[in-house]
Amino acid sequence: MKHRYSKNGEVSCPILPDTRIEEVSAINIEILASSGQVLSTMFRHLS
């Protein structure tokens, strides 16, 4: 089983290609950003 090393020296996932990992991280960032917007709007309504 071959592990690919990223520029940081960290071992990337051997199963998924690097592009898939980047897509998933981008999706997670979008989810976090949208949930943060929802939380901020909820706090505005509460205050």
Protein backbone atom coordinates (compact mmCIF):
# COMPACT_ATOMS: atom_id res chain seq x y z
CA MET A 1 0.00 0.00 0.00
CA LYS A 2 1.65 3.19 -1.18
CA HIS A 3 1.17 6.45 0.72
CA ARG A 4 1.54 9.76 -1.07
CA TYR A 5 3.18 12.57 0.87
CA SER A 6 1.89 16.10 0.57
CA LYS A 7 4.15 19.16 0.55
CA ASN A 8 3.73 19.45 4.33
CA GLY A 9 5.07 15.93 4.78
CA GLU A 10 1.72 14.60 5.97
CA VAL A 11 0.49 11.28 4.59
CA SER A 12 -2.51 11.77 2.33
CA CYS A 13 -5.30 9.23 2.16
CA PRO A 14 -4.11 6.30 0.03
CA ILE A 15 -7.63 5.40 -1.14
CA LEU A 16 -8.95 8.71 -2.43
CA PRO A 17 -7.12 10.89 -4.96
CA ASP A 18 -5.96 14.32 -3.79
CA THR A 19 -8.65 16.12 -5.80
CA ARG A 20 -11.41 14.29 -3.92
CA ILE A 21 -9.86 15.28 -0.57
CA GLU A 22 -9.74 18.92 -1.68
CA GLU A 23 -13.39 18.77 -2.80
CA VAL A 24 -14.51 17.27 0.51
CA SER A 25 -12.60 19.87 2.52
CA ALA A 26 -14.13 22.64 0.41
CA ILE A 27 -17.61 21.20 1.01
CA ASN A 28 -16.93 21.02 4.75
CA ILE A 29 -15.79 24.66 4.75
CA GLU A 30 -19.00 25.67 2.95
CA ILE A 31 -21.11 23.74 5.48
CA LEU A 32 -19.28 25.37 8.39
CA ALA A 33 -19.70 28.81 6.83
CA SER A 34 -23.43 28.31 6.24
CA SER A 35 -24.00 26.95 9.74
CA GLY A 36 -22.05 29.91 11.14
CA GLN A 37 -24.35 32.28 9.26
CA VAL A 38 -27.39 30.48 10.68
CA LEU A 39 -26.00 30.73 14.22
CA SER A 40 -25.24 34.43 13.81
CA THR A 41 -28.76 35.13 12.57
CA MET A 42 -30.21 33.16 15.50
CA PHE A 43 -28.14 35.19 17.95
CA ARG A 44 -29.35 38.39 16.30
CA HIS A 45 -32.97 37.31 16.80
CA LEU A 46 -32.29 36.37 20.43
CA SER A 47 -30.60 39.64 21.32
